[in-house]
Amino acid sequence: MSDPTDYVPPKIWTWNKANGGRFANINRPVAGATHEQALPRGKHPLQLYSLGTPNGIKVTVMLEELLAQGHSGAEYDAWLIRINEGQQFGSGFVAANPNSKIPALLDYSGGDTPVRVFESGAILLYLAEKFGTLVPTEPALRAECMSWLFWQMGSAPYLGGGFGHFYAYAPFKIEYAIDRFAMEVKRELDVLNRRLAESRFIAGDDYTIADIAIWPWYGGMAKGQLYEGGEFLQVQEYTHVIRWADEIAKRPAVRRGRMVNRVMGPLANQLHERHDASDFDTQTQDKLQAKPQA
């Protein structure tokens, strides 16, 4: 692989698998399924296919918040999609999300032909409207919530695909790319810090889907939990973001939601699949691995 300063773009781009870095085995320039693989279906109307990344955490937190509010219709089956193994390119998943990204939700509450919802922000809004909660109804407050929800959808790629990729995952360090995205992530954290200096939650006094969307990404970054980049970005400077992140992290539904479809960290915090509320007590990886083999 050549030094990045020597690179001159060709007239026509061609796919060079050798330049794929850590994700070369799953990244490709075309869409569609690579293999036949049906999606499993559980007993609940809501079927979630996901992984415990920041985008996946948004939806499991949302579902657990709905259940905590007493919305029994929000019971769900959460199935693990191992994106590092290319499971998002199976035919069933592609039918649920043509973009082959987690999370994807199928809602069978209306019958055997499900409503498919993909993109994490769309899923949050769909569930909020379905159950009539966690999104304001007063026009000005709703507009504020929607603005911050879509701020997250537009901003997080600079944090994940930008800073995270070039700082932590790229096959070699490129100063220009890291500087470019570090600057943008710090600007975004400053945007949130200024907002949270004047407001308890992102959209105002009440906890909403805007907080649920933003917290896994920017709360995690402010607490130094993403890409081992906390010291590099001096995240301790964003005191209002940290205050907000800590408050949300204490919510019982958030603690449960961040465990679902998680495959990293302490085994006690990993619930690979979730099909019942009791799974948090009986099906985490520490308990499963402690069971004697038959």
C-alpha atoms as a PDB file:
ATOM      1  CA  MET A   1       0.000   0.000   0.000  1.00  0.00           C
ATOM      2  CA  SER A   2       1.493   3.323  -1.035  1.00  0.00           C
ATOM      3  CA  ASP A   3       2.139   6.322   1.212  1.00  0.00           C
ATOM      4  CA  PRO A   4      -1.071   8.406   1.284  1.00  0.00           C
ATOM      5  CA  THR A   5       0.823  11.532   0.232  1.00  0.00           C
ATOM      6  CA  ASP A   6       1.780   9.794  -3.018  1.00  0.00           C
ATOM      7  CA  TYR A   7      -1.786   9.003  -4.038  1.00  0.00           C
ATOM      8  CA  VAL A   8      -3.173  10.572  -7.208  1.00  0.00           C
ATOM      9  CA  PRO A   9      -6.809   9.632  -7.929  1.00  0.00           C
ATOM     10  CA  PRO A  10      -7.207   7.789 -11.241  1.00  0.00           C
ATOM     11  CA  LYS A  11      -9.620   9.059 -13.837  1.00  0.00           C
ATOM     12  CA  ILE A  12     -12.003   6.198 -13.035  1.00  0.00           C
ATOM     13  CA  TRP A  13     -12.222   4.657  -9.575  1.00  0.00           C
ATOM     14  CA  THR A  14     -11.939   0.879  -9.273  1.00  0.00           C
ATOM     15  CA  TRP A  15     -12.459  -1.297  -6.215  1.00  0.00           C
ATOM     16  CA  ASN A  16      -9.188  -2.368  -4.611  1.00  0.00           C
ATOM     17  CA  LYS A  17     -10.003  -4.884  -1.851  1.00  0.00           C
ATOM     18  CA  ALA A  18      -6.493  -4.547  -0.464  1.00  0.00           C
ATOM     19  CA  ASN A  19      -7.304  -0.993   0.618  1.00  0.00           C
ATOM     20  CA  GLY A  20     -10.305  -2.020   2.711  1.00  0.00           C
ATOM     21  CA  GLY A  21      -8.592  -1.987   6.084  1.00  0.00           C
ATOM     22  CA  ARG A  22     -10.284  -3.623   9.066  1.00  0.00           C
ATOM     23  CA  PHE A  23     -13.626  -4.016   7.292  1.00  0.00           C
ATOM     24  CA  ALA A  24     -12.358  -5.236   3.934  1.00  0.00           C
ATOM     25  CA  ASN A  25     -14.242  -8.514   4.302  1.00  0.00           C
ATOM     26  CA  ILE A  26     -17.662  -6.820   4.412  1.00  0.00           C
ATOM     27  CA  ASN A  27     -17.297  -3.517   2.574  1.00  0.00           C
ATOM     28  CA  ARG A  28     -18.211  -3.492  -1.122  1.00  0.00           C
ATOM     29  CA  PRO A  29     -19.394  -0.927  -3.675  1.00  0.00           C
ATOM     30  CA  VAL A  30     -22.663  -2.672  -4.608  1.00  0.00           C
ATOM     31  CA  ALA A  31     -25.913  -3.429  -2.774  1.00  0.00           C
ATOM     32  CA  GLY A  32     -28.080  -6.525  -2.595  1.00  0.00           C
ATOM     33  CA  ALA A  33     -27.869  -9.952  -1.005  1.00  0.00           C
ATOM     34  CA  THR A  34     -24.771 -12.126  -1.196  1.00  0.00           C
ATOM     35  CA  HIS A  35     -26.451 -15.293   0.044  1.00  0.00           C
ATOM     36  CA  GLU A  36     -29.784 -16.810   0.951  1.00  0.00           C
ATOM     37  CA  GLN A  37     -30.535 -16.560   4.644  1.00  0.00           C
ATOM     38  CA  ALA A  38     -34.026 -16.203   6.077  1.00  0.00           C
ATOM     39  CA  LEU A  39     -34.547 -14.099   9.180  1.00  0.00           C
ATOM     40  CA  PRO A  40     -35.774 -15.856  12.320  1.00  0.00           C
ATOM     41  CA  ARG A  41     -39.112 -14.807  13.789  1.00  0.00           C
ATOM     42  CA  GLY A  42     -40.074 -14.918  17.440  1.00  0.00           C
ATOM     43  CA  LYS A  43     -43.344 -14.721  19.328  1.00  0.00           C
ATOM     44  CA  HIS A  44     -43.760 -10.958  19.590  1.00  0.00           C
ATOM     45  CA  PRO A  45     -45.172  -8.573  16.950  1.00  0.00           C
ATOM     46  CA  LEU A  46     -41.967  -6.496  16.982  1.00  0.00           C
ATOM     47  CA  GLN A  47     -38.943  -8.278  15.539  1.00  0.00           C
ATOM     48  CA  LEU A  48     -35.624  -6.454  15.787  1.00  0.00           C
ATOM     49  CA  TYR A  49     -32.503  -7.486  13.872  1.00  0.00           C
ATOM     50  CA  SER A  50     -29.511  -5.626  15.185  1.00  0.00           C
ATOM     51  CA  LEU A  51     -26.159  -5.421  16.936  1.00  0.00           C
ATOM     52  CA  GLY A  52     -25.188  -3.477  20.074  1.00  0.00           C
ATOM     53  CA  THR A  53     -23.443  -0.630  18.271  1.00  0.00           C
ATOM     54  CA  PRO A  54     -24.479   2.976  18.996  1.00  0.00           C
ATOM     55  CA  ASN A  55     -27.099   2.773  16.247  1.00  0.00           C
ATOM     56  CA  GLY A  56     -28.422  -0.520  17.553  1.00  0.00           C
ATOM     57  CA  ILE A  57     -28.485   0.691  21.159  1.00  0.00           C
ATOM     58  CA  LYS A  58     -30.857   3.515  20.210  1.00  0.00           C
ATOM     59  CA  VAL A  59     -33.633   1.092  19.324  1.00  0.00           C
ATOM     60  CA  THR A  60     -33.223  -1.358  22.204  1.00  0.00           C
ATOM     61  CA  VAL A  61     -33.196   1.556  24.658  1.00  0.00           C
ATOM     62  CA  MET A  62     -36.355   2.896  23.015  1.00  0.00           C
ATOM     63  CA  LEU A  63     -38.119  -0.449  23.303  1.00  0.00           C
ATOM     64  CA  GLU A  64     -37.100  -0.882  26.923  1.00  0.00           C
ATOM     65  CA  GLU A  65     -38.290   2.660  27.704  1.00  0.00           C
ATOM     66  CA  LEU A  66     -41.663   1.854  26.130  1.00  0.00           C
ATOM     67  CA  LEU A  67     -41.964  -1.306  28.194  1.00  0.00           C
ATOM     68  CA  ALA A  68     -40.999   0.613  31.333  1.00  0.00           C
ATOM     69  CA  GLN A  69     -43.887   2.975  30.615  1.00  0.00           C
ATOM     70  CA  GLY A  70     -46.269   0.025  30.513  1.00  0.00           C
ATOM     71  CA  HIS A  71     -46.712  -0.351  26.746  1.00  0.00           C
ATOM     72  CA  SER A  72     -47.079  -4.123  26.556  1.00  0.00           C
ATOM     73  CA  GLY A  73     -47.341  -3.922  22.761  1.00  0.00           C
ATOM     74  CA  ALA A  74     -43.671  -2.970  22.712  1.00  0.00           C
ATOM     75  CA  GLU A  75     -42.575  -6.473  23.709  1.00  0.00           C
ATOM     76  CA  TYR A  76     -39.999  -7.581  21.190  1.00  0.00           C
ATOM     77  CA  ASP A  77     -37.630 -10.257  20.005  1.00  0.00           C
ATOM     78  CA  ALA A  78     -34.100  -9.003  19.404  1.00  0.00           C
ATOM     79  CA  TRP A  79     -32.014 -11.119  17.058  1.00  0.00           C
ATOM     80  CA  LEU A  80     -28.259 -10.733  16.756  1.00  0.00           C
ATOM     81  CA  ILE A  81     -26.878  -9.731  13.352  1.00  0.00           C
ATOM     82  CA  ARG A  82     -23.117 -10.199  13.265  1.00  0.00           C
ATOM     83  CA  ILE A  83     -22.112  -7.583  10.723  1.00  0.00           C
ATOM     84  CA  ASN A  84     -18.438  -8.594  10.832  1.00  0.00           C
ATOM     85  CA  GLU A  85     -19.552 -11.942   9.402  1.00  0.00           C
ATOM     86  CA  GLY A  86     -21.664 -10.351   6.666  1.00  0.00           C
ATOM     87  CA  GLN A  87     -25.034 -11.488   8.037  1.00  0.00           C
ATOM     88  CA  GLN A  88     -26.519  -8.133   6.983  1.00  0.00           C
ATOM     89  CA  PHE A  89     -26.146  -9.285   3.372  1.00  0.00           C
ATOM     90  CA  GLY A  90     -28.413 -12.295   3.788  1.00  0.00           C
ATOM     91  CA  SER A  91     -31.522 -12.247   1.630  1.00  0.00           C
ATOM     92  CA  GLY A  92     -33.882 -11.923   4.580  1.00  0.00           C
ATOM     93  CA  PHE A  93     -32.058  -8.968   6.058  1.00  0.00           C
ATOM     94  CA  VAL A  94     -31.780  -7.213   2.712  1.00  0.00           C
ATOM     95  CA  ALA A  95     -35.553  -7.604   2.324  1.00  0.00           C
ATOM     96  CA  ALA A  96     -35.939  -5.887   5.708  1.00  0.00           C
ATOM     97  CA  ASN A  97     -33.371  -3.196   4.905  1.00  0.00           C
ATOM     98  CA  PRO A  98     -32.168  -2.771   1.323  1.00  0.00           C
ATOM     99  CA  ASN A  99     -29.283  -0.704   2.708  1.00  0.00           C
ATOM    100  CA  SER A 100     -27.882  -3.704   4.653  1.00  0.00           C
ATOM    101  CA  LYS A 101     -27.253  -1.755   7.839  1.00  0.00           C
ATOM    102  CA  ILE A 102     -28.418  -2.518  11.359  1.00  0.00           C
ATOM    103  CA  PRO A 103     -30.882  -1.999  12.937  1.00  0.00           C
ATOM    104  CA  ALA A 104     -33.938  -3.230  11.037  1.00  0.00           C
ATOM    105  CA  LEU A 105     -37.414  -3.662  12.521  1.00  0.00           C
ATOM    106  CA  LEU A 106     -40.342  -5.741  11.297  1.00  0.00           C
ATOM    107  CA  ASP A 107     -43.715  -4.964  12.873  1.00  0.00           C
ATOM    108  CA  TYR A 108     -46.201  -7.839  12.592  1.00  0.00           C
ATOM    109  CA  SER A 109     -48.842  -6.215  14.792  1.00  0.00           C
ATOM    110  CA  GLY A 110     -51.073  -5.685  11.742  1.00  0.00           C
ATOM    111  CA  GLY A 111     -50.855  -9.263  10.455  1.00  0.00           C
ATOM    112  CA  ASP A 112     -48.501 -11.622   8.648  1.00  0.00           C
ATOM    113  CA  THR A 113     -47.332  -8.945   6.198  1.00  0.00           C
ATOM    114  CA  PRO A 114     -45.056  -6.814   8.342  1.00  0.00           C
ATOM    115  CA  VAL A 115     -44.311  -3.124   8.243  1.00  0.00           C
ATOM    116  CA  ARG A 116     -40.579  -2.807   7.680  1.00  0.00           C
ATOM    117  CA  VAL A 117     -38.718   0.112   9.212  1.00  0.00           C
ATOM    118  CA  PHE A 118     -35.028   0.754   8.712  1.00  0.00           C
ATOM    119  CA  GLU A 119     -32.632   3.531   9.719  1.00  0.00           C
ATOM    120  CA  SER A 120     -32.415   4.038  13.466  1.00  0.00           C
ATOM    121  CA  GLY A 121     -33.953   7.510  13.442  1.00  0.00           C
ATOM    122  CA  ALA A 122     -36.917   6.287  11.421  1.00  0.00           C
ATOM    123  CA  ILE A 123     -37.415   3.400  13.855  1.00  0.00           C
ATOM    124  CA  LEU A 124     -37.372   5.747  16.865  1.00  0.00           C
ATOM    125  CA  LEU A 125     -39.933   8.040  15.271  1.00  0.00           C
ATOM    126  CA  TYR A 126     -42.099   5.114  14.136  1.00  0.00           C
ATOM    127  CA  LEU A 127     -42.213   3.666  17.648  1.00  0.00           C
ATOM    128  CA  ALA A 128     -42.772   7.048  19.289  1.00  0.00           C
ATOM    129  CA  GLU A 129     -45.754   7.712  17.039  1.00  0.00           C
ATOM    130  CA  LYS A 130     -47.063   4.168  17.323  1.00  0.00           C
ATOM    131  CA  PHE A 131     -47.175   4.349  21.111  1.00  0.00           C
ATOM    132  CA  GLY A 132     -47.759   8.086  21.466  1.00  0.00           C
ATOM    133  CA  THR A 133     -44.829   8.886  23.716  1.00  0.00           C
ATOM    134  CA  LEU A 134     -41.282  10.259  23.922  1.00  0.00           C
ATOM    135  CA  VAL A 135     -41.935  12.833  21.219  1.00  0.00           C
ATOM    136  CA  PRO A 136     -43.692  16.132  22.010  1.00  0.00           C
ATOM    137  CA  THR A 137     -47.055  16.961  20.488  1.00  0.00           C
ATOM    138  CA  GLU A 138     -46.906  20.750  20.923  1.00  0.00           C
ATOM    139  CA  PRO A 139     -45.678  22.081  17.547  1.00  0.00           C
ATOM    140  CA  ALA A 140     -42.678  24.105  18.716  1.00  0.00           C
ATOM    141  CA  LEU A 141     -41.424  21.382  21.053  1.00  0.00           C
ATOM    142  CA  ARG A 142     -41.968  18.724  18.418  1.00  0.00           C
ATOM    143  CA  ALA A 143     -39.993  20.788  15.903  1.00  0.00           C
ATOM    144  CA  GLU A 144     -37.140  21.116  18.400  1.00  0.00           C
ATOM    145  CA  CYS A 145     -37.135  17.366  19.016  1.00  0.00           C
ATOM    146  CA  MET A 146     -37.212  16.566  15.291  1.00  0.00           C
ATOM    147  CA  SER A 147     -34.425  19.046  14.595  1.00  0.00           C
ATOM    148  CA  TRP A 148     -32.118  17.379  17.121  1.00  0.00           C
ATOM    149  CA  LEU A 149     -33.097  13.895  15.984  1.00  0.00           C
ATOM    150  CA  PHE A 150     -32.096  14.723  12.434  1.00  0.00           C
ATOM    151  CA  TRP A 151     -29.037  16.600  13.674  1.00  0.00           C
ATOM    152  CA  GLN A 152     -27.842  13.298  15.072  1.00  0.00           C
ATOM    153  CA  MET A 153     -28.542  11.415  11.869  1.00  0.00           C
ATOM    154  CA  GLY A 154     -26.531  13.953   9.885  1.00  0.00           C
ATOM    155  CA  SER A 155     -23.727  14.501  12.391  1.00  0.00           C
ATOM    156  CA  ALA A 156     -22.843  11.025  13.642  1.00  0.00           C
ATOM    157  CA  PRO A 157     -21.198   9.930  10.362  1.00  0.00           C
ATOM    158  CA  TYR A 158     -18.476  12.493  11.110  1.00  0.00           C
ATOM    159  CA  LEU A 159     -17.955  10.827  14.476  1.00  0.00           C
ATOM    160  CA  GLY A 160     -18.191   7.175  13.397  1.00  0.00           C
ATOM    161  CA  GLY A 161     -17.302   6.864   9.733  1.00  0.00           C
ATOM    162  CA  GLY A 162     -15.055   9.912   9.914  1.00  0.00           C
ATOM    163  CA  PHE A 163     -13.146  10.258  13.175  1.00  0.00           C
ATOM    164  CA  GLY A 164     -13.672   6.698  14.392  1.00  0.00           C
ATOM    165  CA  HIS A 165     -12.592   5.138  11.123  1.00  0.00           C
ATOM    166  CA  PHE A 166      -9.469   7.179  10.495  1.00  0.00           C
ATOM    167  CA  TYR A 167      -8.371   7.371  14.149  1.00  0.00           C
ATOM    168  CA  ALA A 168      -9.015   3.756  15.128  1.00  0.00           C
ATOM    169  CA  TYR A 169      -9.602   1.529  12.103  1.00  0.00           C
ATOM    170  CA  ALA A 170      -7.764   2.787   9.022  1.00  0.00           C
ATOM    171  CA  PRO A 171      -4.757   0.653   7.983  1.00  0.00           C
ATOM    172  CA  PHE A 172      -2.463   3.669   8.417  1.00  0.00           C
ATOM    173  CA  LYS A 173      -2.782   7.075  10.086  1.00  0.00           C
ATOM    174  CA  ILE A 174      -3.535  10.017   7.833  1.00  0.00           C
ATOM    175  CA  GLU A 175      -2.926  13.300   9.627  1.00  0.00           C
ATOM    176  CA  TYR A 176      -5.198  15.351   7.385  1.00  0.00           C
ATOM    177  CA  ALA A 177      -8.149  12.970   7.782  1.00  0.00           C
ATOM    178  CA  ILE A 178      -7.760  12.660  11.561  1.00  0.00           C
ATOM    179  CA  ASP A 179      -7.394  16.411  11.975  1.00  0.00           C
ATOM    180  CA  ARG A 180     -10.399  17.073   9.767  1.00  0.00           C
ATOM    181  CA  PHE A 181     -12.746  14.783  11.658  1.00  0.00           C
ATOM    182  CA  ALA A 182     -11.340  15.488  15.129  1.00  0.00           C
ATOM    183  CA  MET A 183     -12.083  19.160  14.520  1.00  0.00           C
ATOM    184  CA  GLU A 184     -15.637  18.364  13.440  1.00  0.00           C
ATOM    185  CA  VAL A 185     -16.358  16.024  16.361  1.00  0.00           C
ATOM    186  CA  LYS A 186     -15.107  18.621  18.833  1.00  0.00           C
ATOM    187  CA  ARG A 187     -17.328  21.203  17.168  1.00  0.00           C
ATOM    188  CA  GLU A 188     -20.318  18.855  17.461  1.00  0.00           C
ATOM    189  CA  LEU A 189     -19.583  18.194  21.123  1.00  0.00           C
ATOM    190  CA  ASP A 190     -19.419  21.944  21.649  1.00  0.00           C
ATOM    191  CA  VAL A 191     -22.808  22.338  19.960  1.00  0.00           C
ATOM    192  CA  LEU A 192     -24.277  19.833  22.426  1.00  0.00           C
ATOM    193  CA  ASN A 193     -22.419  21.311  25.380  1.00  0.00           C
ATOM    194  CA  ARG A 194     -23.834  24.765  24.699  1.00  0.00           C
ATOM    195  CA  ARG A 195     -27.330  23.355  24.266  1.00  0.00           C
ATOM    196  CA  LEU A 196     -27.154  21.307  27.452  1.00  0.00           C
ATOM    197  CA  ALA A 197     -25.871  24.299  29.395  1.00  0.00           C
ATOM    198  CA  GLU A 198     -29.345  25.795  28.955  1.00  0.00           C
ATOM    199  CA  SER A 199     -31.522  22.669  28.888  1.00  0.00           C
ATOM    200  CA  ARG A 200     -31.780  19.536  31.024  1.00  0.00           C
ATOM    201  CA  PHE A 201     -32.375  17.334  28.004  1.00  0.00           C
ATOM    202  CA  ILE A 202     -31.630  17.822  24.325  1.00  0.00           C
ATOM    203  CA  ALA A 203     -35.077  19.027  23.225  1.00  0.00           C
ATOM    204  CA  GLY A 204     -36.045  20.781  26.447  1.00  0.00           C
ATOM    205  CA  ASP A 205     -37.180  19.790  29.924  1.00  0.00           C
ATOM    206  CA  ASP A 206     -38.389  16.339  28.906  1.00  0.00           C
ATOM    207  CA  TYR A 207     -36.542  13.204  27.861  1.00  0.00           C
ATOM    208  CA  THR A 208     -37.340  12.356  24.219  1.00  0.00           C
ATOM    209  CA  ILE A 209     -36.220  10.318  21.256  1.00  0.00           C
ATOM    210  CA  ALA A 210     -33.668  13.057  20.571  1.00  0.00           C
ATOM    211  CA  ASP A 211     -31.835  12.040  23.743  1.00  0.00           C
ATOM    212  CA  ILE A 212     -32.177   8.349  22.891  1.00  0.00           C
ATOM    213  CA  ALA A 213     -30.674   8.971  19.450  1.00  0.00           C
ATOM    214  CA  ILE A 214     -27.796  11.193  20.532  1.00  0.00           C
ATOM    215  CA  TRP A 215     -26.739   9.525  23.774  1.00  0.00           C
ATOM    216  CA  PRO A 216     -25.140   6.301  22.429  1.00  0.00           C
ATOM    217  CA  TRP A 217     -22.881   8.299  20.123  1.00  0.00           C
ATOM    218  CA  TYR A 218     -22.083  11.558  21.865  1.00  0.00           C
ATOM    219  CA  GLY A 219     -22.702  10.447  25.424  1.00  0.00           C
ATOM    220  CA  GLY A 220     -20.350   7.561  24.774  1.00  0.00           C
ATOM    221  CA  MET A 221     -17.767   9.857  23.220  1.00  0.00           C
ATOM    222  CA  ALA A 222     -17.976  12.377  26.054  1.00  0.00           C
ATOM    223  CA  LYS A 223     -17.380   9.570  28.546  1.00  0.00           C
ATOM    224  CA  GLY A 224     -14.342   8.365  26.589  1.00  0.00           C
ATOM    225  CA  GLN A 225     -15.993   5.065  25.631  1.00  0.00           C
ATOM    226  CA  LEU A 226     -15.629   5.260  21.839  1.00  0.00           C
ATOM    227  CA  TYR A 227     -12.524   4.564  19.747  1.00  0.00           C
ATOM    228  CA  GLU A 228     -10.208   5.110  22.769  1.00  0.00           C
ATOM    229  CA  GLY A 229     -10.255   8.724  21.674  1.00  0.00           C
ATOM    230  CA  GLY A 230     -11.292  10.472  24.874  1.00  0.00           C
ATOM    231  CA  GLU A 231      -7.876  11.820  25.847  1.00  0.00           C
ATOM    232  CA  PHE A 232      -7.074  12.731  22.250  1.00  0.00           C
ATOM    233  CA  LEU A 233     -10.230  14.843  22.009  1.00  0.00           C
ATOM    234  CA  GLN A 234     -10.040  16.079  25.633  1.00  0.00           C
ATOM    235  CA  VAL A 235     -13.671  15.164  26.156  1.00  0.00           C
ATOM    236  CA  GLN A 236     -13.611  16.167  29.842  1.00  0.00           C
ATOM    237  CA  GLU A 237     -14.037  19.744  28.616  1.00  0.00           C
ATOM    238  CA  TYR A 238     -17.682  19.086  27.713  1.00  0.00           C
ATOM    239  CA  THR A 239     -19.032  19.152  31.245  1.00  0.00           C
ATOM    240  CA  HIS A 240     -22.684  19.674  30.346  1.00  0.00           C
ATOM    241  CA  VAL A 241     -22.627  16.738  27.939  1.00  0.00           C
ATOM    242  CA  ILE A 242     -21.073  14.580  30.653  1.00  0.00           C
ATOM    243  CA  ARG A 243     -23.750  15.636  33.165  1.00  0.00           C
ATOM    244  CA  TRP A 244     -26.473  14.705  30.664  1.00  0.00           C
ATOM    245  CA  ALA A 245     -24.769  11.452  29.666  1.00  0.00           C
ATOM    246  CA  ASP A 246     -24.467  10.360  33.291  1.00  0.00           C
ATOM    247  CA  GLU A 247     -28.116  11.112  34.012  1.00  0.00           C
ATOM    248  CA  ILE A 248     -29.321   9.078  31.059  1.00  0.00           C
ATOM    249  CA  ALA A 249     -26.977   6.183  31.834  1.00  0.00           C
ATOM    250  CA  LYS A 250     -28.663   5.755  35.226  1.00  0.00           C
ATOM    251  CA  ARG A 251     -32.084   5.073  33.709  1.00  0.00           C
ATOM    252  CA  PRO A 252     -33.017   1.389  34.220  1.00  0.00           C
ATOM    253  CA  ALA A 253     -34.364   1.065  30.661  1.00  0.00           C
ATOM    254  CA  VAL A 254     -31.112   2.466  29.290  1.00  0.00           C
ATOM    255  CA  ARG A 255     -29.058   0.011  31.328  1.00  0.00           C
ATOM    256  CA  ARG A 256     -31.146  -2.847  29.942  1.00  0.00           C
ATOM    257  CA  GLY A 257     -31.229  -1.551  26.383  1.00  0.00           C
ATOM    258  CA  ARG A 258     -27.467  -1.217  26.094  1.00  0.00           C
ATOM    259  CA  MET A 259     -27.075  -4.904  27.021  1.00  0.00           C
ATOM    260  CA  VAL A 260     -29.224  -6.240  24.169  1.00  0.00           C
ATOM    261  CA  ASN A 261     -27.363  -7.616  21.123  1.00  0.00           C
ATOM    262  CA  ARG A 262     -24.105  -6.620  22.794  1.00  0.00           C
ATOM    263  CA  VAL A 263     -21.069  -8.776  21.957  1.00  0.00           C
ATOM    264  CA  MET A 264     -18.295  -6.747  23.602  1.00  0.00           C
ATOM    265  CA  GLY A 265     -17.292  -5.941  27.155  1.00  0.00           C
ATOM    266  CA  PRO A 266     -18.037  -7.827  30.369  1.00  0.00           C
ATOM    267  CA  LEU A 267     -19.971 -11.043  29.807  1.00  0.00           C
ATOM    268  CA  ALA A 268     -22.541 -10.002  32.421  1.00  0.00           C
ATOM    269  CA  ASN A 269     -23.473  -7.065  30.179  1.00  0.00           C
ATOM    270  CA  GLN A 270     -23.928  -9.144  27.031  1.00  0.00           C
ATOM    271  CA  LEU A 271     -27.425 -10.335  26.173  1.00  0.00           C
ATOM    272  CA  HIS A 272     -26.938 -11.585  22.633  1.00  0.00           C
ATOM    273  CA  GLU A 273     -30.646 -12.178  22.028  1.00  0.00           C
ATOM    274  CA  ARG A 274     -33.640 -10.888  23.927  1.00  0.00           C
ATOM    275  CA  HIS A 275     -37.019 -12.634  23.742  1.00  0.00           C
ATOM    276  CA  ASP A 276     -38.442 -12.005  27.197  1.00  0.00           C
ATOM    277  CA  ALA A 277     -37.855  -9.580  30.070  1.00  0.00           C
ATOM    278  CA  SER A 278     -36.563 -12.471  32.165  1.00  0.00           C
ATOM    279  CA  ASP A 279     -33.664 -12.944  29.750  1.00  0.00           C
ATOM    280  CA  PHE A 280     -31.769 -10.141  31.504  1.00  0.00           C
ATOM    281  CA  ASP A 281     -31.627 -12.361  34.583  1.00  0.00           C
ATOM    282  CA  THR A 282     -31.003 -15.729  32.950  1.00  0.00           C
ATOM    283  CA  GLN A 283     -29.512 -15.396  29.459  1.00  0.00           C
ATOM    284  CA  THR A 284     -26.520 -13.059  29.728  1.00  0.00           C
ATOM    285  CA  GLN A 285     -23.285 -14.566  28.527  1.00  0.00           C
ATOM    286  CA  ASP A 286     -21.766 -14.985  31.981  1.00  0.00           C
ATOM    287  CA  LYS A 287     -24.689 -17.174  33.035  1.00  0.00           C
ATOM    288  CA  LEU A 288     -24.808 -19.118  29.771  1.00  0.00           C
ATOM    289  CA  GLN A 289     -21.087 -19.866  29.886  1.00  0.00           C
ATOM    290  CA  ALA A 290     -21.340 -20.949  33.512  1.00  0.00           C
ATOM    291  CA  LYS A 291     -23.924 -23.595  32.726  1.00  0.00           C
ATOM    292  CA  PRO A 292     -22.538 -27.142  32.583  1.00  0.00           C
ATOM    293  CA  GLN A 293     -22.332 -28.571  29.083  1.00  0.00           C
ATOM    294  CA  ALA A 294     -24.802 -31.362  28.306  1.00  0.00           C
END
